[in-house]
PDB file of N, CA and C in Angstrom:
ATOM      1  N   MET A   1      14.605  18.095  -3.320  1.00  0.00           N
ATOM      2  CA  MET A   1      14.577  16.682  -2.700  1.00  0.00           C
ATOM      3  C   MET A   1      16.293  16.602  -2.871  1.00  0.00           C
ATOM      4  N   SER A   2      16.877  15.917  -2.011  1.00  0.00           N
ATOM      5  CA  SER A   2      17.998  15.628  -1.802  1.00  0.00           C
ATOM      6  C   SER A   2      18.326  14.400  -2.358  1.00  0.00           C
ATOM      7  N   GLN A   3      19.466  14.061  -2.834  1.00  0.00           N
ATOM      8  CA  GLN A   3      19.997  12.515  -3.528  1.00  0.00           C
ATOM      9  C   GLN A   3      19.925  11.640  -2.378  1.00  0.00           C
ATOM     10  N   SER A   4      20.413  12.227  -1.374  1.00  0.00           N
ATOM     11  CA  SER A   4      20.307  11.088  -0.228  1.00  0.00           C
ATOM     12  C   SER A   4      18.916  10.616   0.123  1.00  0.00           C
ATOM     13  N   LEU A   5      18.193  11.451   0.166  1.00  0.00           N
ATOM     14  CA  LEU A   5      16.453  11.101   0.320  1.00  0.00           C
ATOM     15  C   LEU A   5      15.983  10.109  -0.655  1.00  0.00           C
ATOM     16  N   ILE A   6      16.330  10.400  -2.180  1.00  0.00           N
ATOM     17  CA  ILE A   6      15.872   9.743  -2.950  1.00  0.00           C
ATOM     18  C   ILE A   6      16.527   8.127  -2.596  1.00  0.00           C
ATOM     19  N   SER A   7      18.006   8.126  -2.300  1.00  0.00           N
ATOM     20  CA  SER A   7      18.271   6.943  -2.140  1.00  0.00           C
ATOM     21  C   SER A   7      17.993   6.065  -1.029  1.00  0.00           C
ATOM     22  N   TYR A   8      17.230   6.871  -0.204  1.00  0.00           N
ATOM     23  CA  TYR A   8      16.573   6.092   1.237  1.00  0.00           C
ATOM     24  C   TYR A   8      15.394   5.819   0.673  1.00  0.00           C
ATOM     25  N   TYR A   9      14.586   6.462  -0.445  1.00  0.00           N
ATOM     26  CA  TYR A   9      13.485   5.602  -1.147  1.00  0.00           C
ATOM     27  C   TYR A   9      13.651   4.672  -1.669  1.00  0.00           C
ATOM     28  N   GLU A  10      14.702   4.720  -2.660  1.00  0.00           N
ATOM     29  CA  GLU A  10      14.918   3.512  -3.525  1.00  0.00           C
ATOM     30  C   GLU A  10      15.152   2.366  -2.549  1.00  0.00           C
ATOM     31  N   SER A  11      15.701   2.382  -1.687  1.00  0.00           N
ATOM     32  CA  SER A  11      16.455   1.332  -0.693  1.00  0.00           C
ATOM     33  C   SER A  11      15.352   0.666   0.197  1.00  0.00           C
ATOM     34  N   GLY A  12      14.243   1.740   0.139  1.00  0.00           N
ATOM     35  CA  GLY A  12      13.277   1.242   1.410  1.00  0.00           C
ATOM     36  C   GLY A  12      13.486   1.544   2.576  1.00  0.00           C
ATOM     37  N   ARG A  13      14.638   2.245   2.887  1.00  0.00           N
ATOM     38  CA  ARG A  13      14.942   2.734   4.437  1.00  0.00           C
ATOM     39  C   ARG A  13      13.825   3.797   4.756  1.00  0.00           C
ATOM     40  N   LYS A  14      13.222   4.585   3.767  1.00  0.00           N
ATOM     41  CA  LYS A  14      12.342   5.474   4.160  1.00  0.00           C
ATOM     42  C   LYS A  14      11.360   5.277   3.211  1.00  0.00           C
ATOM     43  N   GLN A  15       9.936   5.999   3.540  1.00  0.00           N
ATOM     44  CA  GLN A  15       8.737   5.831   2.651  1.00  0.00           C
ATOM     45  C   GLN A  15       8.341   7.219   2.370  1.00  0.00           C
ATOM     46  N   PRO A  16       8.039   7.444   1.217  1.00  0.00           N
ATOM     47  CA  PRO A  16       7.318   8.907   0.890  1.00  0.00           C
ATOM     48  C   PRO A  16       6.038   8.899   1.471  1.00  0.00           C
ATOM     49  N   GLY A  17       5.651  10.019   1.732  1.00  0.00           N
ATOM     50  CA  GLY A  17       4.477  10.305   2.248  1.00  0.00           C
ATOM     51  C   GLY A  17       3.695  10.877   1.258  1.00  0.00           C
ATOM     52  N   TYR A  18       2.292  10.896   1.437  1.00  0.00           N
ATOM     53  CA  TYR A  18       1.202  11.196   0.213  1.00  0.00           C
ATOM     54  C   TYR A  18       1.746  12.153  -0.481  1.00  0.00           C
ATOM     55  N   ASP A  19       1.947  13.620   0.074  1.00  0.00           N
ATOM     56  CA  ASP A  19       2.053  14.359  -0.730  1.00  0.00           C
ATOM     57  C   ASP A  19       3.214  14.430  -1.615  1.00  0.00           C
ATOM     58  N   THR A  20       4.254  13.702  -1.040  1.00  0.00           N
ATOM     59  CA  THR A  20       5.772  13.612  -1.779  1.00  0.00           C
ATOM     60  C   THR A  20       5.404  12.587  -3.138  1.00  0.00           C
ATOM     61  N   LEU A  21       4.494  11.431  -2.841  1.00  0.00           N
ATOM     62  CA  LEU A  21       4.257  10.660  -3.902  1.00  0.00           C
ATOM     63  C   LEU A  21       3.337  11.239  -5.109  1.00  0.00           C
ATOM     64  N   ALA A  22       2.359  12.136  -4.586  1.00  0.00           N
ATOM     65  CA  ALA A  22       1.741  13.106  -5.485  1.00  0.00           C
ATOM     66  C   ALA A  22       2.623  13.811  -6.355  1.00  0.00           C
ATOM     67  N   GLU A  23       3.534  14.481  -5.748  1.00  0.00           N
ATOM     68  CA  GLU A  23       4.321  15.415  -6.416  1.00  0.00           C
ATOM     69  C   GLU A  23       5.321  14.316  -7.490  1.00  0.00           C
ATOM     70  N   MET A  24       5.803  13.423  -7.077  1.00  0.00           N
ATOM     71  CA  MET A  24       6.602  12.266  -7.795  1.00  0.00           C
ATOM     72  C   MET A  24       5.391  12.150  -9.000  1.00  0.00           C
ATOM     73  N   GLY A  25       4.479  11.861  -8.715  1.00  0.00           N
ATOM     74  CA  GLY A  25       3.445  11.477 -10.039  1.00  0.00           C
ATOM     75  C   GLY A  25       3.461  12.409 -10.633  1.00  0.00           C
ATOM     76  N   ARG A  26       3.164  13.669 -10.398  1.00  0.00           N
ATOM     77  CA  ARG A  26       2.948  14.672 -11.628  1.00  0.00           C
ATOM     78  C   ARG A  26       4.390  15.231 -11.921  1.00  0.00           C
ATOM     79  N   LEU A  27       5.599  14.959 -11.401  1.00  0.00           N
ATOM     80  CA  LEU A  27       6.594  15.108 -12.161  1.00  0.00           C
ATOM     81  C   LEU A  27       7.029  14.290 -12.959  1.00  0.00           C
ATOM     82  N   PHE A  28       6.414  12.863 -12.836  1.00  0.00           N
ATOM     83  CA  PHE A  28       6.955  11.936 -13.828  1.00  0.00           C
ATOM     84  C   PHE A  28       5.775  11.480 -14.772  1.00  0.00           C
ATOM     85  N   ALA A  29       4.638  12.228 -14.548  1.00  0.00           N
ATOM     86  CA  ALA A  29       3.407  11.832 -15.573  1.00  0.00           C
ATOM     87  C   ALA A  29       2.893  10.481 -15.186  1.00  0.00           C
ATOM     88  N   VAL A  30       2.882   9.906 -13.955  1.00  0.00           N
ATOM     89  CA  VAL A  30       2.647   8.581 -13.627  1.00  0.00           C
ATOM     90  C   VAL A  30       1.618   8.634 -12.628  1.00  0.00           C
ATOM     91  N   SER A  31       0.867   7.557 -12.310  1.00  0.00           N
ATOM     92  CA  SER A  31      -0.056   7.541 -11.088  1.00  0.00           C
ATOM     93  C   SER A  31       0.756   6.825  -9.792  1.00  0.00           C
ATOM     94  N   ILE A  32       0.166   7.265  -8.893  1.00  0.00           N
ATOM     95  CA  ILE A  32       0.888   7.008  -7.410  1.00  0.00           C
ATOM     96  C   ILE A  32       0.936   5.499  -7.402  1.00  0.00           C
ATOM     97  N   ASP A  33      -0.147   4.644  -8.009  1.00  0.00           N
ATOM     98  CA  ASP A  33      -0.300   2.923  -7.866  1.00  0.00           C
ATOM     99  C   ASP A  33       1.021   2.763  -8.783  1.00  0.00           C
ATOM    100  N   TYR A  34       1.619   3.122  -9.687  1.00  0.00           N
ATOM    101  CA  TYR A  34       2.574   2.804 -10.703  1.00  0.00           C
ATOM    102  C   TYR A  34       3.704   3.014  -9.871  1.00  0.00           C
ATOM    103  N   LEU A  35       3.984   4.404  -9.031  1.00  0.00           N
ATOM    104  CA  LEU A  35       5.078   4.527  -8.181  1.00  0.00           C
ATOM    105  C   LEU A  35       5.338   3.517  -7.202  1.00  0.00           C
ATOM    106  N   MET A  36       4.053   3.235  -6.650  1.00  0.00           N
ATOM    107  CA  MET A  36       4.089   2.284  -5.539  1.00  0.00           C
ATOM    108  C   MET A  36       4.120   0.815  -5.855  1.00  0.00           C
ATOM    109  N   GLY A  37       4.329   0.617  -7.214  1.00  0.00           N
ATOM    110  CA  GLY A  37       4.571  -1.107  -7.797  1.00  0.00           C
ATOM    111  C   GLY A  37       3.399  -1.666  -7.836  1.00  0.00           C
ATOM    112  N   LEU A  38       1.983  -1.202  -7.476  1.00  0.00           N
ATOM    113  CA  LEU A  38       1.034  -1.817  -7.376  1.00  0.00           C
ATOM    114  C   LEU A  38       0.547  -2.201  -8.724  1.00  0.00           C
ATOM    115  N   THR A  39       0.866  -1.501 -10.063  1.00  0.00           N
ATOM    116  CA  THR A  39       0.620  -1.682 -11.253  1.00  0.00           C
ATOM    117  C   THR A  39       1.570  -1.324 -12.262  1.00  0.00           C
ATOM    118  N   ASP A  40       1.466  -2.051 -13.570  1.00  0.00           N
ATOM    119  CA  ASP A  40       2.452  -2.131 -14.215  1.00  0.00           C
ATOM    120  C   ASP A  40       1.981  -0.853 -15.555  1.00  0.00           C
ATOM    121  N   ASN A  41       1.034  -0.415 -14.941  1.00  0.00           N
ATOM    122  CA  ASN A  41       0.637   0.455 -16.051  1.00  0.00           C
ATOM    123  C   ASN A  41       0.392   2.193 -15.568  1.00  0.00           C
ATOM    124  N   PRO A  42       1.348   2.822 -16.137  1.00  0.00           N
ATOM    125  CA  PRO A  42       1.976   4.007 -15.262  1.00  0.00           C
ATOM    126  C   PRO A  42       0.721   4.942 -15.296  1.00  0.00           C
ATOM    127  N   ARG A  43      -0.612   4.611 -16.153  1.00  0.00           N
ATOM    128  CA  ARG A  43      -1.816   5.564 -15.722  1.00  0.00           C
ATOM    129  C   ARG A  43      -2.477   4.911 -14.765  1.00  0.00           C
ATOM    130  N   GLY A  44      -2.157   3.841 -14.162  1.00  0.00           N
ATOM    131  CA  GLY A  44      -2.707   3.484 -12.805  1.00  0.00           C
ATOM    132  C   GLY A  44      -3.866   2.697 -13.244  1.00  0.00           C
ATOM    133  N   THR A  45      -4.599   2.460 -12.021  1.00  0.00           N
ATOM    134  CA  THR A  45      -5.778   1.626 -12.199  1.00  0.00           C
ATOM    135  C   THR A  45      -7.476   2.257 -11.815  1.00  0.00           C
ATOM    136  N   HIS A  46      -6.904   3.650 -12.008  1.00  0.00           N
ATOM    137  CA  HIS A  46      -8.265   4.561 -11.648  1.00  0.00           C
ATOM    138  C   HIS A  46      -9.466   4.238 -12.416  1.00  0.00           C
ATOM    139  N   LEU A  47      -8.970   3.859 -13.706  1.00  0.00           N
ATOM    140  CA  LEU A  47     -10.066   3.676 -14.847  1.00  0.00           C
ATOM    141  C   LEU A  47     -10.715   2.492 -14.539  1.00  0.00           C
ATOM    142  N   ASN A  48     -10.210   1.674 -13.910  1.00  0.00           N
ATOM    143  CA  ASN A  48     -11.034   0.502 -13.429  1.00  0.00           C
ATOM    144  C   ASN A  48     -11.697   0.717 -12.331  1.00  0.00           C
ATOM    145  N   LEU A  49     -11.290   1.559 -11.488  1.00  0.00           N
ATOM    146  CA  LEU A  49     -12.002   1.844 -10.182  1.00  0.00           C
ATOM    147  C   LEU A  49     -13.361   2.614 -10.763  1.00  0.00           C
ATOM    148  N   LYS A  50     -13.021   3.554 -11.492  1.00  0.00           N
ATOM    149  CA  LYS A  50     -14.061   4.421 -12.121  1.00  0.00           C
ATOM    150  C   LYS A  50     -15.494   3.464 -12.537  1.00  0.00           C
ATOM    151  N   ASN A  51     -15.091   2.414 -13.160  1.00  0.00           N
ATOM    152  CA  ASN A  51     -16.173   1.505 -13.862  1.00  0.00           C
ATOM    153  C   ASN A  51     -16.849   0.739 -12.809  1.00  0.00           C
ATOM    154  N   ALA A  52     -16.003   0.328 -12.144  1.00  0.00           N
ATOM    155  CA  ALA A  52     -16.250  -0.710 -11.009  1.00  0.00           C
ATOM    156  C   ALA A  52     -17.233  -0.013  -9.703  1.00  0.00           C
ATOM    157  N   ALA A  53     -16.866   1.539  -9.206  1.00  0.00           N
ATOM    158  CA  ALA A  53     -17.626   2.019  -8.260  1.00  0.00           C
ATOM    159  C   ALA A  53     -18.594   2.839  -8.878  1.00  0.00           C
ATOM    160  N   GLY A  54     -18.757   2.887 -10.386  1.00  0.00           N
ATOM    161  CA  GLY A  54     -20.072   3.703 -10.488  1.00  0.00           C
ATOM    162  C   GLY A  54     -19.972   5.076 -10.834  1.00  0.00           C
ATOM    163  N   GLY A  55     -18.824   5.757 -11.271  1.00  0.00           N
ATOM    164  CA  GLY A  55     -18.750   7.080 -11.403  1.00  0.00           C
ATOM    165  C   GLY A  55     -17.722   7.990 -10.860  1.00  0.00           C
ATOM    166  N   ASP A  56     -17.395   9.085 -11.535  1.00  0.00           N
ATOM    167  CA  ASP A  56     -16.181  10.014 -10.919  1.00  0.00           C
ATOM    168  C   ASP A  56     -16.431  10.561  -9.457  1.00  0.00           C
ATOM    169  N   GLU A  57     -17.703  11.003  -9.042  1.00  0.00           N
ATOM    170  CA  GLU A  57     -18.057  11.401  -7.901  1.00  0.00           C
ATOM    171  C   GLU A  57     -17.505  10.276  -6.712  1.00  0.00           C
ATOM    172  N   GLU A  58     -18.049   9.039  -6.814  1.00  0.00           N
ATOM    173  CA  GLU A  58     -17.778   8.035  -5.980  1.00  0.00           C
ATOM    174  C   GLU A  58     -16.357   7.677  -5.602  1.00  0.00           C
ATOM    175  N   VAL A  59     -15.504   7.671  -6.863  1.00  0.00           N
ATOM    176  CA  VAL A  59     -14.000   7.291  -7.068  1.00  0.00           C
ATOM    177  C   VAL A  59     -13.424   8.410  -6.501  1.00  0.00           C
ATOM    178  N   SER A  60     -13.988   9.554  -6.482  1.00  0.00           N
ATOM    179  CA  SER A  60     -13.106  10.545  -5.831  1.00  0.00           C
ATOM    180  C   SER A  60     -13.313  10.596  -4.485  1.00  0.00           C
ATOM    181  N   ARG A  61     -14.523  10.409  -3.891  1.00  0.00           N
ATOM    182  CA  ARG A  61     -14.674   9.965  -2.314  1.00  0.00           C
ATOM    183  C   ARG A  61     -13.648   8.916  -1.835  1.00  0.00           C
ATOM    184  N   GLU A  62     -13.563   7.950  -2.630  1.00  0.00           N
ATOM    185  CA  GLU A  62     -12.884   6.773  -2.512  1.00  0.00           C
ATOM    186  C   GLU A  62     -11.505   7.085  -2.522  1.00  0.00           C
ATOM    187  N   VAL A  63     -11.194   7.658  -3.401  1.00  0.00           N
ATOM    188  CA  VAL A  63      -9.441   8.207  -3.593  1.00  0.00           C
ATOM    189  C   VAL A  63      -9.079   9.325  -2.264  1.00  0.00           C
ATOM    190  N   ARG A  64      -9.924  10.101  -1.913  1.00  0.00           N
ATOM    191  CA  ARG A  64      -9.732  10.995  -0.914  1.00  0.00           C
ATOM    192  C   ARG A  64      -9.568  10.095   0.376  1.00  0.00           C
ATOM    193  N   ALA A  65     -10.490   9.206   0.650  1.00  0.00           N
ATOM    194  CA  ALA A  65     -10.504   8.513   1.638  1.00  0.00           C
ATOM    195  C   ALA A  65      -9.373   7.519   1.934  1.00  0.00           C
ATOM    196  N   LEU A  66      -8.673   6.810   0.740  1.00  0.00           N
ATOM    197  CA  LEU A  66      -7.578   5.989   0.649  1.00  0.00           C
ATOM    198  C   LEU A  66      -6.556   7.112   0.981  1.00  0.00           C
ATOM    199  N   ALA A  67      -6.369   8.177   0.649  1.00  0.00           N
ATOM    200  CA  ALA A  67      -5.320   9.154   0.519  1.00  0.00           C
ATOM    201  C   ALA A  67      -5.109   9.691   2.043  1.00  0.00           C
ATOM    202  N   ASP A  68      -6.205  10.023   2.676  1.00  0.00           N
ATOM    203  CA  ASP A  68      -6.173  10.190   4.295  1.00  0.00           C
ATOM    204  C   ASP A  68      -5.618   8.948   5.054  1.00  0.00           C
ATOM    205  N   ILE A  69      -6.177   7.608   4.652  1.00  0.00           N
ATOM    206  CA  ILE A  69      -5.483   6.772   5.296  1.00  0.00           C
ATOM    207  C   ILE A  69      -3.811   6.555   5.097  1.00  0.00           C
ATOM    208  N   ILE A  70      -3.509   6.579   3.907  1.00  0.00           N
ATOM    209  CA  ILE A  70      -1.946   6.632   3.575  1.00  0.00           C
ATOM    210  C   ILE A  70      -1.371   7.821   4.497  1.00  0.00           C
ATOM    211  N   LYS A  71      -2.000   9.223   4.409  1.00  0.00           N
ATOM    212  CA  LYS A  71      -1.163  10.273   4.912  1.00  0.00           C
ATOM    213  C   LYS A  71      -1.248   9.713   6.331  1.00  0.00           C
ATOM    214  N   ASP A  72      -2.156   9.167   7.119  1.00  0.00           N
ATOM    215  CA  ASP A  72      -2.217   8.804   8.907  1.00  0.00           C
ATOM    216  C   ASP A  72      -1.117   7.406   8.872  1.00  0.00           C
ATOM    217  N   ASN A  73      -0.870   6.917   7.935  1.00  0.00           N
ATOM    218  CA  ASN A  73      -0.375   5.476   7.854  1.00  0.00           C
ATOM    219  C   ASN A  73       0.767   5.254   6.932  1.00  0.00           C
ATOM    220  N   PRO A  74       1.818   6.002   7.019  1.00  0.00           N
ATOM    221  CA  PRO A  74       2.648   5.932   5.733  1.00  0.00           C
ATOM    222  C   PRO A  74       3.533   4.459   5.381  1.00  0.00           C
ATOM    223  N   GLY A  75       3.289   3.849   6.408  1.00  0.00           N
ATOM    224  CA  GLY A  75       3.972   2.515   6.491  1.00  0.00           C
ATOM    225  C   GLY A  75       3.289   1.553   5.735  1.00  0.00           C
ATOM    226  N   LEU A  76       1.782   1.854   5.625  1.00  0.00           N
ATOM    227  CA  LEU A  76       0.706   1.266   4.782  1.00  0.00           C
ATOM    228  C   LEU A  76       1.274   0.601   3.138  1.00  0.00           C
ATOM    229  N   VAL A  77       1.945   1.859   2.670  1.00  0.00           N
ATOM    230  CA  VAL A  77       2.471   1.593   1.448  1.00  0.00           C
ATOM    231  C   VAL A  77       3.564   0.597   0.941  1.00  0.00           C
ATOM    232  N   GLN A  78       4.587   0.585   2.302  1.00  0.00           N
ATOM    233  CA  GLN A  78       5.452  -0.565   1.976  1.00  0.00           C
ATOM    234  C   GLN A  78       4.688  -1.800   2.366  1.00  0.00           C
ATOM    235  N   TYR A  79       3.637  -2.081   3.220  1.00  0.00           N
ATOM    236  CA  TYR A  79       3.013  -3.152   3.419  1.00  0.00           C
ATOM    237  C   TYR A  79       2.409  -3.610   2.315  1.00  0.00           C
ATOM    238  N   SER A  80       1.731  -2.488   1.673  1.00  0.00           N
ATOM    239  CA  SER A  80       0.965  -3.250   0.328  1.00  0.00           C
ATOM    240  C   SER A  80       2.058  -3.515  -0.693  1.00  0.00           C
ATOM    241  N   ARG A  81       3.223  -2.831  -0.752  1.00  0.00           N
ATOM    242  CA  ARG A  81       4.053  -3.261  -1.865  1.00  0.00           C
ATOM    243  C   ARG A  81       4.304  -4.865  -1.430  1.00  0.00           C
ATOM    244  N   GLU A  82       4.732  -5.038  -0.411  1.00  0.00           N
ATOM    245  CA  GLU A  82       5.282  -6.551   0.121  1.00  0.00           C
ATOM    246  C   GLU A  82       3.970  -7.484  -0.327  1.00  0.00           C
ATOM    247  N   ILE A  83       3.141  -7.075   0.191  1.00  0.00           N
ATOM    248  CA  ILE A  83       1.757  -8.159   0.028  1.00  0.00           C
ATOM    249  C   ILE A  83       1.795  -8.068  -1.373  1.00  0.00           C
ATOM    250  N   ALA A  84       1.776  -7.134  -2.280  1.00  0.00           N
ATOM    251  CA  ALA A  84       1.375  -7.371  -3.697  1.00  0.00           C
ATOM    252  C   ALA A  84       2.401  -8.320  -4.371  1.00  0.00           C
ATOM    253  N   GLN A  85       3.739  -8.420  -3.896  1.00  0.00           N
ATOM    254  CA  GLN A  85       4.723  -8.944  -4.360  1.00  0.00           C
ATOM    255  C   GLN A  85       4.860 -10.494  -3.742  1.00  0.00           C
ATOM    256  N   ARG A  86       4.191 -10.819  -2.843  1.00  0.00           N
ATOM    257  CA  ARG A  86       4.106 -12.341  -2.172  1.00  0.00           C
ATOM    258  C   ARG A  86       3.013 -13.112  -2.285  1.00  0.00           C
ATOM    259  N   GLU A  87       2.607 -14.083  -2.921  1.00  0.00           N
ATOM    260  CA  GLU A  87       1.362 -14.928  -2.696  1.00  0.00           C
ATOM    261  C   GLU A  87       1.098 -15.313  -1.331  1.00  0.00           C
ATOM    262  N   ASP A  88       2.071 -15.690  -0.600  1.00  0.00           N
ATOM    263  CA  ASP A  88       1.889 -15.967   0.737  1.00  0.00           C
ATOM    264  C   ASP A  88       1.120 -15.168   1.428  1.00  0.00           C
ATOM    265  N   LEU A  89       1.575 -14.024   1.457  1.00  0.00           N
ATOM    266  CA  LEU A  89       0.990 -13.108   2.120  1.00  0.00           C
ATOM    267  C   LEU A  89      -0.299 -12.719   1.725  1.00  0.00           C
ATOM    268  N   GLN A  90      -0.551 -12.284   0.305  1.00  0.00           N
ATOM    269  CA  GLN A  90      -1.732 -12.483  -0.031  1.00  0.00           C
ATOM    270  C   GLN A  90      -2.990 -13.486   0.529  1.00  0.00           C
ATOM    271  N   LEU A  91      -2.519 -14.525   0.489  1.00  0.00           N
ATOM    272  CA  LEU A  91      -3.504 -15.759   1.014  1.00  0.00           C
ATOM    273  C   LEU A  91      -3.480 -15.577   2.612  1.00  0.00           C
ATOM    274  N   MET A  92      -2.408 -15.227   3.151  1.00  0.00           N
ATOM    275  CA  MET A  92      -2.851 -14.984   4.788  1.00  0.00           C
ATOM    276  C   MET A  92      -3.886 -14.084   4.976  1.00  0.00           C
ATOM    277  N   VAL A  93      -3.513 -12.501   4.212  1.00  0.00           N
ATOM    278  CA  VAL A  93      -4.660 -11.477   4.344  1.00  0.00           C
ATOM    279  C   VAL A  93      -5.968 -11.878   3.866  1.00  0.00           C
ATOM    280  N   ARG A  94      -6.183 -12.634   2.853  1.00  0.00           N
ATOM    281  CA  ARG A  94      -7.462 -13.023   2.674  1.00  0.00           C
ATOM    282  C   ARG A  94      -8.093 -14.114   3.521  1.00  0.00           C
ATOM    283  N   GLU A  95      -7.002 -15.035   4.100  1.00  0.00           N
ATOM    284  CA  GLU A  95      -7.949 -15.694   4.774  1.00  0.00           C
ATOM    285  C   GLU A  95      -8.313 -15.175   6.488  1.00  0.00           C
ATOM    286  N   ALA A  96      -7.416 -13.673   6.653  1.00  0.00           N
ATOM    287  CA  ALA A  96      -7.544 -13.510   7.921  1.00  0.00           C
ATOM    288  C   ALA A  96      -8.728 -12.253   8.036  1.00  0.00           C
ATOM    289  N   ARG A  97      -9.282 -11.825   6.816  1.00  0.00           N
ATOM    290  CA  ARG A  97      -9.948 -10.624   6.901  1.00  0.00           C
ATOM    291  C   ARG A  97     -11.271 -10.813   7.392  1.00  0.00           C
ATOM    292  N   ASN A  98     -12.102 -12.192   7.302  1.00  0.00           N
ATOM    293  CA  ASN A  98     -13.287 -12.401   7.899  1.00  0.00           C
ATOM    294  C   ASN A  98     -13.285 -12.648   9.264  1.00  0.00           C
ATOM    295  N   LEU A  99     -12.000 -12.921  10.125  1.00  0.00           N
ATOM    296  CA  LEU A  99     -11.612 -13.310  11.283  1.00  0.00           C
ATOM    297  C   LEU A  99     -12.304 -12.311  12.359  1.00  0.00           C
ATOM    298  N   LYS A 100     -12.685 -12.640  13.465  1.00  0.00           N
ATOM    299  CA  LYS A 100     -12.686 -11.631  14.343  1.00  0.00           C
ATOM    300  C   LYS A 100     -11.568 -11.018  14.862  1.00  0.00           C
ATOM    301  N   PRO A 101     -11.431  -9.553  15.305  1.00  0.00           N
ATOM    302  CA  PRO A 101     -10.157  -9.151  15.621  1.00  0.00           C
ATOM    303  C   PRO A 101      -9.523  -9.640  16.764  1.00  0.00           C
ATOM    304  N   GLU A 102     -10.321 -10.405  17.920  1.00  0.00           N
ATOM    305  CA  GLU A 102      -9.644 -11.096  18.650  1.00  0.00           C
ATOM    306  C   GLU A 102      -8.739 -12.280  18.509  1.00  0.00           C
ATOM    307  N   THR A 103      -9.345 -12.684  17.145  1.00  0.00           N
ATOM    308  CA  THR A 103      -8.649 -14.147  16.532  1.00  0.00           C
ATOM    309  C   THR A 103      -7.493 -13.625  15.588  1.00  0.00           C
ATOM    310  N   VAL A 104      -7.489 -12.617  15.178  1.00  0.00           N
ATOM    311  CA  VAL A 104      -6.273 -11.955  14.679  1.00  0.00           C
ATOM    312  C   VAL A 104      -5.243 -11.800  15.407  1.00  0.00           C
ATOM    313  N   ARG A 105      -5.471 -11.277  16.566  1.00  0.00           N
ATOM    314  CA  ARG A 105      -4.740 -10.817  17.498  1.00  0.00           C
ATOM    315  C   ARG A 105      -4.341 -12.406  18.247  1.00  0.00           C
ATOM    316  N   LYS A 106      -4.893 -13.268  18.525  1.00  0.00           N
ATOM    317  CA  LYS A 106      -4.156 -14.608  18.732  1.00  0.00           C
ATOM    318  C   LYS A 106      -3.512 -15.275  17.854  1.00  0.00           C
ATOM    319  N   LEU A 107      -3.642 -15.118  16.475  1.00  0.00           N
ATOM    320  CA  LEU A 107      -2.765 -15.369  15.235  1.00  0.00           C
ATOM    321  C   LEU A 107      -1.472 -14.789  15.466  1.00  0.00           C
ATOM    322  N   VAL A 108      -1.562 -13.230  15.686  1.00  0.00           N
ATOM    323  CA  VAL A 108      -0.369 -12.723  15.551  1.00  0.00           C
ATOM    324  C   VAL A 108       0.597 -13.029  16.566  1.00  0.00           C
ATOM    325  N   GLU A 109      -0.023 -13.443  17.841  1.00  0.00           N
ATOM    326  CA  GLU A 109       0.665 -13.839  19.136  1.00  0.00           C
ATOM    327  C   GLU A 109       1.595 -15.217  18.559  1.00  0.00           C
ATOM    328  N   VAL A 110       0.798 -16.302  17.873  1.00  0.00           N
ATOM    329  CA  VAL A 110       1.414 -17.351  17.408  1.00  0.00           C
ATOM    330  C   VAL A 110       2.306 -17.181  16.433  1.00  0.00           C
ATOM    331  N   MET A 111       2.107 -16.320  15.798  1.00  0.00           N
ATOM    332  CA  MET A 111       3.357 -15.826  14.590  1.00  0.00           C
ATOM    333  C   MET A 111       4.639 -15.632  15.361  1.00  0.00           C
ATOM    334  N   LYS A 112       4.322 -14.524  16.388  1.00  0.00           N
ATOM    335  CA  LYS A 112       5.524 -14.054  17.173  1.00  0.00           C
ATOM    336  C   LYS A 112       6.296 -15.110  17.690  1.00  0.00           C
ATOM    337  N   LEU A 113       5.705 -15.897  18.132  1.00  0.00           N
ATOM    338  CA  LEU A 113       6.264 -17.046  18.892  1.00  0.00           C
ATOM    339  C   LEU A 113       6.998 -18.125  17.942  1.00  0.00           C
ATOM    340  N   ILE A 114       6.213 -18.457  16.757  1.00  0.00           N
ATOM    341  CA  ILE A 114       7.097 -19.053  15.895  1.00  0.00           C
ATOM    342  C   ILE A 114       8.347 -18.576  15.310  1.00  0.00           C
ATOM    343  N   ASP A 115       8.163 -16.948  15.126  1.00  0.00           N
ATOM    344  CA  ASP A 115       9.496 -16.266  14.641  1.00  0.00           C
ATOM    345  C   ASP A 115      10.460 -16.431  15.930  1.00  0.00           C
ATOM    346  N   ASP A 116      10.086 -16.245  16.960  1.00  0.00           N
ATOM    347  CA  ASP A 116      10.919 -16.428  18.023  1.00  0.00           C
ATOM    348  C   ASP A 116      11.872 -17.763  18.333  1.00  0.00           C
ATOM    349  N   GLN A 117      10.913 -18.873  17.785  1.00  0.00           N
ATOM    350  CA  GLN A 117      11.627 -20.137  17.844  1.00  0.00           C
ATOM    351  C   GLN A 117      12.507 -20.254  16.394  1.00  0.00           C
ATOM    352  N   GLU A 118      12.312 -19.482  15.380  1.00  0.00           N
ATOM    353  CA  GLU A 118      12.954 -19.891  14.422  1.00  0.00           C
ATOM    354  C   GLU A 118      14.472 -18.734  14.519  1.00  0.00           C
ATOM    355  N   GLN A 119      14.358 -18.050  15.161  1.00  0.00           N
ATOM    356  CA  GLN A 119      15.615 -17.123  15.391  1.00  0.00           C
ATOM    357  C   GLN A 119      16.573 -17.644  16.693  1.00  0.00           C
TER     358      GLN A 119
END
């Protein structure tokens, strides 16, 4: 991995893919959750998931499913970081998650209009 690529990752100009995150985790002996800034615990949150989900096999399925989602949508890592760091975005996501998809699309249109007016 080149120094310039590492610099891009550190500055947020590029996002590492799942395989790169997994390799970094192995290299530094930390969890991907920790690398993504989702936890302050270098061991990650998998132990909490294990207890909540009811066992290793169920957690493994959930982790594989999440890994596939991240692999197909690498930008989600950055979005997750931003949401984790901002209470206002967390509130917005919490409130929007029970809305119908068409309502969410309308809200996005309103948000774009507001953004255009602010600029």
